[in-house]
Amino acid sequence: MNIKKHFALAEGLLKMANEQVEAKDYRGARASLAKAYSHTRELLDHVQKLLTLKAHVEHSAEDTTG
């Protein structure tokens, strides 16, 4: 799953959790928050991988030019 998909799912789940709290469905809200957290962790993992890749590419470019 790509970054945009994880972001959209997390955002939707947070909105759903908010609606569930307003409806006093606290168990449903807790489940929605847990799923949103999972997607947020996936987002963070993707971003960390991208940052690592960027640093590696920049380091490799320095080795070839410097």
PDB file of N, CA and C in Angstrom:
ATOM      1  N   MET A   1       0.852  -1.173   0.000  1.00  0.00           N
ATOM      2  CA  MET A   1       0.000   0.000   0.000  1.00  0.00           C
ATOM      3  C   MET A   1       0.902   1.241   0.000  1.00  0.00           C
ATOM      4  N   ASN A   2       0.507   2.253  -0.739  1.00  0.00           N
ATOM      5  CA  ASN A   2       1.363   3.433  -0.831  1.00  0.00           C
ATOM      6  C   ASN A   2       1.036   4.467   0.255  1.00  0.00           C
ATOM      7  N   ILE A   3       1.856   5.493   0.305  1.00  0.00           N
ATOM      8  CA  ILE A   3       1.746   6.509   1.350  1.00  0.00           C
ATOM      9  C   ILE A   3       0.396   7.220   1.309  1.00  0.00           C
ATOM     10  N   LYS A   4      -0.053   7.599   0.116  1.00  0.00           N
ATOM     11  CA  LYS A   4      -1.332   8.313   0.001  1.00  0.00           C
ATOM     12  C   LYS A   4      -2.491   7.460   0.509  1.00  0.00           C
ATOM     13  N   LYS A   5      -2.453   6.172   0.227  1.00  0.00           N
ATOM     14  CA  LYS A   5      -3.532   5.271   0.657  1.00  0.00           C
ATOM     15  C   LYS A   5      -3.547   5.156   2.183  1.00  0.00           C
ATOM     16  N   HIS A   6      -2.368   4.971   2.799  1.00  0.00           N
ATOM     17  CA  HIS A   6      -2.302   4.895   4.266  1.00  0.00           C
ATOM     18  C   HIS A   6      -2.800   6.196   4.894  1.00  0.00           C
ATOM     19  N   PHE A   7      -2.399   7.329   4.309  1.00  0.00           N
ATOM     20  CA  PHE A   7      -2.826   8.618   4.843  1.00  0.00           C
ATOM     21  C   PHE A   7      -4.340   8.761   4.760  1.00  0.00           C
ATOM     22  N   ALA A   8      -4.902   8.419   3.614  1.00  0.00           N
ATOM     23  CA  ALA A   8      -6.352   8.544   3.425  1.00  0.00           C
ATOM     24  C   ALA A   8      -7.107   7.633   4.388  1.00  0.00           C
ATOM     25  N   LEU A   9      -6.622   6.415   4.568  1.00  0.00           N
ATOM     26  CA  LEU A   9      -7.289   5.491   5.485  1.00  0.00           C
ATOM     27  C   LEU A   9      -7.198   5.981   6.927  1.00  0.00           C
ATOM     28  N   ALA A  10      -6.022   6.442   7.334  1.00  0.00           N
ATOM     29  CA  ALA A  10      -5.861   6.948   8.700  1.00  0.00           C
ATOM     30  C   ALA A  10      -6.771   8.151   8.935  1.00  0.00           C
ATOM     31  N   GLU A  11      -6.809   9.053   7.968  1.00  0.00           N
ATOM     32  CA  GLU A  11      -7.659  10.239   8.090  1.00  0.00           C
ATOM     33  C   GLU A  11      -9.134   9.845   8.203  1.00  0.00           C
ATOM     34  N   GLY A  12      -9.571   8.932   7.363  1.00  0.00           N
ATOM     35  CA  GLY A  12     -10.959   8.480   7.407  1.00  0.00           C
ATOM     36  C   GLY A  12     -11.307   7.803   8.719  1.00  0.00           C
ATOM     37  N   LEU A  13     -10.377   7.000   9.224  1.00  0.00           N
ATOM     38  CA  LEU A  13     -10.613   6.314  10.495  1.00  0.00           C
ATOM     39  C   LEU A  13     -10.666   7.294  11.662  1.00  0.00           C
ATOM     40  N   LEU A  14      -9.857   8.336  11.623  1.00  0.00           N
ATOM     41  CA  LEU A  14      -9.912   9.344  12.684  1.00  0.00           C
ATOM     42  C   LEU A  14     -11.236  10.099  12.659  1.00  0.00           C
ATOM     43  N   LYS A  15     -11.717  10.406  11.476  1.00  0.00           N
ATOM     44  CA  LYS A  15     -13.024  11.063  11.361  1.00  0.00           C
ATOM     45  C   LYS A  15     -14.128  10.140  11.876  1.00  0.00           C
ATOM     46  N   MET A  16     -14.015   8.848  11.525  1.00  0.00           N
ATOM     47  CA  MET A  16     -15.010   7.886  11.985  1.00  0.00           C
ATOM     48  C   MET A  16     -14.973   7.771  13.509  1.00  0.00           C
ATOM     49  N   ALA A  17     -13.788   7.736  14.089  1.00  0.00           N
ATOM     50  CA  ALA A  17     -13.663   7.653  15.542  1.00  0.00           C
ATOM     51  C   ALA A  17     -14.311   8.860  16.204  1.00  0.00           C
ATOM     52  N   ASN A  18     -14.124  10.029  15.629  1.00  0.00           N
ATOM     53  CA  ASN A  18     -14.735  11.239  16.169  1.00  0.00           C
ATOM     54  C   ASN A  18     -16.259  11.132  16.146  1.00  0.00           C
ATOM     55  N   GLU A  19     -16.800  10.655  15.042  1.00  0.00           N
ATOM     56  CA  GLU A  19     -18.251  10.476  14.938  1.00  0.00           C
ATOM     57  C   GLU A  19     -18.742   9.445  15.947  1.00  0.00           C
ATOM     58  N   GLN A  20     -17.960   8.389  16.149  1.00  0.00           N
ATOM     59  CA  GLN A  20     -18.354   7.352  17.100  1.00  0.00           C
ATOM     60  C   GLN A  20     -18.346   7.888  18.528  1.00  0.00           C
ATOM     61  N   VAL A  21     -17.382   8.728  18.857  1.00  0.00           N
ATOM     62  CA  VAL A  21     -17.354   9.327  20.195  1.00  0.00           C
ATOM     63  C   VAL A  21     -18.578  10.217  20.384  1.00  0.00           C
ATOM     64  N   GLU A  22     -18.896  11.008  19.360  1.00  0.00           N
ATOM     65  CA  GLU A  22     -20.077  11.865  19.452  1.00  0.00           C
ATOM     66  C   GLU A  22     -21.350  11.047  19.637  1.00  0.00           C
ATOM     67  N   ALA A  23     -21.374   9.832  19.068  1.00  0.00           N
ATOM     68  CA  ALA A  23     -22.531   8.948  19.204  1.00  0.00           C
ATOM     69  C   ALA A  23     -22.432   8.062  20.447  1.00  0.00           C
ATOM     70  N   LYS A  24     -21.394   8.295  21.264  1.00  0.00           N
ATOM     71  CA  LYS A  24     -21.136   7.534  22.488  1.00  0.00           C
ATOM     72  C   LYS A  24     -20.855   6.049  22.222  1.00  0.00           C
ATOM     73  N   ASP A  25     -20.323   5.752  21.036  1.00  0.00           N
ATOM     74  CA  ASP A  25     -19.893   4.392  20.691  1.00  0.00           C
ATOM     75  C   ASP A  25     -18.392   4.306  20.965  1.00  0.00           C
ATOM     76  N   TYR A  26     -18.055   4.179  22.249  1.00  0.00           N
ATOM     77  CA  TYR A  26     -16.656   4.249  22.645  1.00  0.00           C
ATOM     78  C   TYR A  26     -15.858   3.020  22.218  1.00  0.00           C
ATOM     79  N   ARG A  27     -16.483   1.867  22.195  1.00  0.00           N
ATOM     80  CA  ARG A  27     -15.774   0.664  21.726  1.00  0.00           C
ATOM     81  C   ARG A  27     -15.442   0.779  20.244  1.00  0.00           C
ATOM     82  N   GLY A  28     -16.396   1.254  19.473  1.00  0.00           N
ATOM     83  CA  GLY A  28     -16.153   1.450  18.051  1.00  0.00           C
ATOM     84  C   GLY A  28     -15.073   2.488  17.810  1.00  0.00           C
ATOM     85  N   ALA A  29     -15.100   3.552  18.606  1.00  0.00           N
ATOM     86  CA  ALA A  29     -14.088   4.602  18.477  1.00  0.00           C
ATOM     87  C   ALA A  29     -12.708   4.059  18.809  1.00  0.00           C
ATOM     88  N   ARG A  30     -12.641   3.224  19.823  1.00  0.00           N
ATOM     89  CA  ARG A  30     -11.347   2.633  20.198  1.00  0.00           C
ATOM     90  C   ARG A  30     -10.809   1.765  19.068  1.00  0.00           C
ATOM     91  N   ALA A  31     -11.676   0.980  18.459  1.00  0.00           N
ATOM     92  CA  ALA A  31     -11.259   0.131  17.342  1.00  0.00           C
ATOM     93  C   ALA A  31     -10.804   0.981  16.155  1.00  0.00           C
ATOM     94  N   SER A  32     -11.533   2.036  15.873  1.00  0.00           N
ATOM     95  CA  SER A  32     -11.155   2.925  14.767  1.00  0.00           C
ATOM     96  C   SER A  32      -9.811   3.593  15.035  1.00  0.00           C
ATOM     97  N   LEU A  33      -9.596   4.010  16.274  1.00  0.00           N
ATOM     98  CA  LEU A  33      -8.320   4.632  16.627  1.00  0.00           C
ATOM     99  C   LEU A  33      -7.169   3.639  16.509  1.00  0.00           C
ATOM    100  N   ALA A  34      -7.411   2.396  16.888  1.00  0.00           N
ATOM    101  CA  ALA A  34      -6.366   1.376  16.772  1.00  0.00           C
ATOM    102  C   ALA A  34      -5.993   1.153  15.308  1.00  0.00           C
ATOM    103  N   LYS A  35      -6.987   1.124  14.444  1.00  0.00           N
ATOM    104  CA  LYS A  35      -6.712   0.950  13.014  1.00  0.00           C
ATOM    105  C   LYS A  35      -5.999   2.174  12.448  1.00  0.00           C
ATOM    106  N   ALA A  36      -6.414   3.363  12.873  1.00  0.00           N
ATOM    107  CA  ALA A  36      -5.754   4.591  12.410  1.00  0.00           C
ATOM    108  C   ALA A  36      -4.297   4.605  12.859  1.00  0.00           C
ATOM    109  N   TYR A  37      -4.044   4.158  14.072  1.00  0.00           N
ATOM    110  CA  TYR A  37      -2.674   4.093  14.583  1.00  0.00           C
ATOM    111  C   TYR A  37      -1.832   3.145  13.733  1.00  0.00           C
ATOM    112  N   SER A  38      -2.411   2.022  13.361  1.00  0.00           N
ATOM    113  CA  SER A  38      -1.698   1.054  12.528  1.00  0.00           C
ATOM    114  C   SER A  38      -1.301   1.674  11.191  1.00  0.00           C
ATOM    115  N   HIS A  39      -2.216   2.377  10.574  1.00  0.00           N
ATOM    116  CA  HIS A  39      -1.911   3.026   9.295  1.00  0.00           C
ATOM    117  C   HIS A  39      -0.886   4.152   9.484  1.00  0.00           C
ATOM    118  N   THR A  40      -0.953   4.842  10.613  1.00  0.00           N
ATOM    119  CA  THR A  40       0.018   5.893  10.895  1.00  0.00           C
ATOM    120  C   THR A  40       1.414   5.303  11.060  1.00  0.00           C
ATOM    121  N   ARG A  41       1.511   4.166  11.721  1.00  0.00           N
ATOM    122  CA  ARG A  41       2.812   3.490  11.869  1.00  0.00           C
ATOM    123  C   ARG A  41       3.356   3.090  10.500  1.00  0.00           C
ATOM    124  N   GLU A  42       2.481   2.589   9.640  1.00  0.00           N
ATOM    125  CA  GLU A  42       2.905   2.228   8.282  1.00  0.00           C
ATOM    126  C   GLU A  42       3.412   3.465   7.538  1.00  0.00           C
ATOM    127  N   LEU A  43       2.715   4.583   7.705  1.00  0.00           N
ATOM    128  CA  LEU A  43       3.161   5.842   7.095  1.00  0.00           C
ATOM    129  C   LEU A  43       4.556   6.216   7.580  1.00  0.00           C
ATOM    130  N   LEU A  44       4.754   6.152   8.875  1.00  0.00           N
ATOM    131  CA  LEU A  44       6.057   6.499   9.435  1.00  0.00           C
ATOM    132  C   LEU A  44       7.148   5.565   8.925  1.00  0.00           C
ATOM    133  N   ASP A  45       6.832   4.283   8.800  1.00  0.00           N
ATOM    134  CA  ASP A  45       7.803   3.326   8.263  1.00  0.00           C
ATOM    135  C   ASP A  45       8.171   3.673   6.826  1.00  0.00           C
ATOM    136  N   HIS A  46       7.182   4.013   6.013  1.00  0.00           N
ATOM    137  CA  HIS A  46       7.442   4.398   4.618  1.00  0.00           C
ATOM    138  C   HIS A  46       8.321   5.648   4.555  1.00  0.00           C
ATOM    139  N   VAL A  47       7.999   6.639   5.356  1.00  0.00           N
ATOM    140  CA  VAL A  47       8.767   7.885   5.352  1.00  0.00           C
ATOM    141  C   VAL A  47      10.202   7.620   5.803  1.00  0.00           C
ATOM    142  N   GLN A  48      10.369   6.792   6.824  1.00  0.00           N
ATOM    143  CA  GLN A  48      11.717   6.471   7.298  1.00  0.00           C
ATOM    144  C   GLN A  48      12.528   5.779   6.208  1.00  0.00           C
ATOM    145  N   LYS A  49      11.900   4.866   5.481  1.00  0.00           N
ATOM    146  CA  LYS A  49      12.593   4.182   4.381  1.00  0.00           C
ATOM    147  C   LYS A  49      12.997   5.175   3.294  1.00  0.00           C
ATOM    148  N   LEU A  50      12.107   6.114   2.984  1.00  0.00           N
ATOM    149  CA  LEU A  50      12.428   7.129   1.977  1.00  0.00           C
ATOM    150  C   LEU A  50      13.586   8.022   2.425  1.00  0.00           C
ATOM    151  N   LEU A  51      13.584   8.407   3.687  1.00  0.00           N
ATOM    152  CA  LEU A  51      14.672   9.241   4.197  1.00  0.00           C
ATOM    153  C   LEU A  51      16.003   8.493   4.180  1.00  0.00           C
ATOM    154  N   THR A  52      15.964   7.218   4.518  1.00  0.00           N
ATOM    155  CA  THR A  52      17.171   6.398   4.479  1.00  0.00           C
ATOM    156  C   THR A  52      17.685   6.273   3.057  1.00  0.00           C
ATOM    157  N   LEU A  53      16.773   6.038   2.125  1.00  0.00           N
ATOM    158  CA  LEU A  53      17.157   5.928   0.718  1.00  0.00           C
ATOM    159  C   LEU A  53      17.744   7.242   0.210  1.00  0.00           C
ATOM    160  N   LYS A  54      17.122   8.358   0.567  1.00  0.00           N
ATOM    161  CA  LYS A  54      17.617   9.669   0.146  1.00  0.00           C
ATOM    162  C   LYS A  54      19.027   9.905   0.674  1.00  0.00           C
ATOM    163  N   ALA A  55      19.249   9.588   1.946  1.00  0.00           N
ATOM    164  CA  ALA A  55      20.575   9.772   2.536  1.00  0.00           C
ATOM    165  C   ALA A  55      21.607   8.895   1.835  1.00  0.00           C
ATOM    166  N   HIS A  56      21.216   7.680   1.508  1.00  0.00           N
ATOM    167  CA  HIS A  56      22.125   6.763   0.814  1.00  0.00           C
ATOM    168  C   HIS A  56      22.478   7.298  -0.572  1.00  0.00           C
ATOM    169  N   VAL A  57      21.485   7.788  -1.293  1.00  0.00           N
ATOM    170  CA  VAL A  57      21.716   8.328  -2.635  1.00  0.00           C
ATOM    171  C   VAL A  57      22.619   9.562  -2.558  1.00  0.00           C
ATOM    172  N   GLU A  58      22.352  10.440  -1.610  1.00  0.00           N
ATOM    173  CA  GLU A  58      23.182  11.637  -1.460  1.00  0.00           C
ATOM    174  C   GLU A  58      24.617  11.275  -1.101  1.00  0.00           C
ATOM    175  N   HIS A  59      24.775  10.284  -0.240  1.00  0.00           N
ATOM    176  CA  HIS A  59      26.111   9.842   0.154  1.00  0.00           C
ATOM    177  C   HIS A  59      26.840   9.225  -1.037  1.00  0.00           C
ATOM    178  N   SER A  60      26.128   8.437  -1.821  1.00  0.00           N
ATOM    179  CA  SER A  60      26.724   7.829  -3.015  1.00  0.00           C
ATOM    180  C   SER A  60      27.134   8.892  -4.023  1.00  0.00           C
ATOM    181  N   ALA A  61      26.332   9.935  -4.170  1.00  0.00           N
ATOM    182  CA  ALA A  61      26.649  11.018  -5.102  1.00  0.00           C
ATOM    183  C   ALA A  61      27.909  11.755  -4.655  1.00  0.00           C
ATOM    184  N   GLU A  62      28.069  11.931  -3.361  1.00  0.00           N
ATOM    185  CA  GLU A  62      29.269  12.586  -2.837  1.00  0.00           C
ATOM    186  C   GLU A  62      30.509  11.745  -3.112  1.00  0.00           C
ATOM    187  N   ASP A  63      30.375  10.422  -3.006  1.00  0.00           N
ATOM    188  CA  ASP A  63      31.504   9.526  -3.251  1.00  0.00           C
ATOM    189  C   ASP A  63      31.967   9.584  -4.702  1.00  0.00           C
ATOM    190  N   THR A  64      31.040   9.776  -5.621  1.00  0.00           N
ATOM    191  CA  THR A  64      31.406   9.781  -7.041  1.00  0.00           C
ATOM    192  C   THR A  64      31.912  11.142  -7.506  1.00  0.00           C
ATOM    193  N   THR A  65      31.541  12.204  -6.791  1.00  0.00           N
ATOM    194  CA  THR A  65      31.965  13.545  -7.218  1.00  0.00           C
ATOM    195  C   THR A  65      33.138  14.069  -6.396  1.00  0.00           C
ATOM    196  N   GLY A  66      33.365  13.471  -5.273  1.00  0.00           N
ATOM    197  CA  GLY A  66      34.256  14.105  -4.390  1.00  0.00           C
ATOM    198  C   GLY A  66      35.566  13.598  -4.114  1.00  0.00           C
TER     199      GLY A  66
END
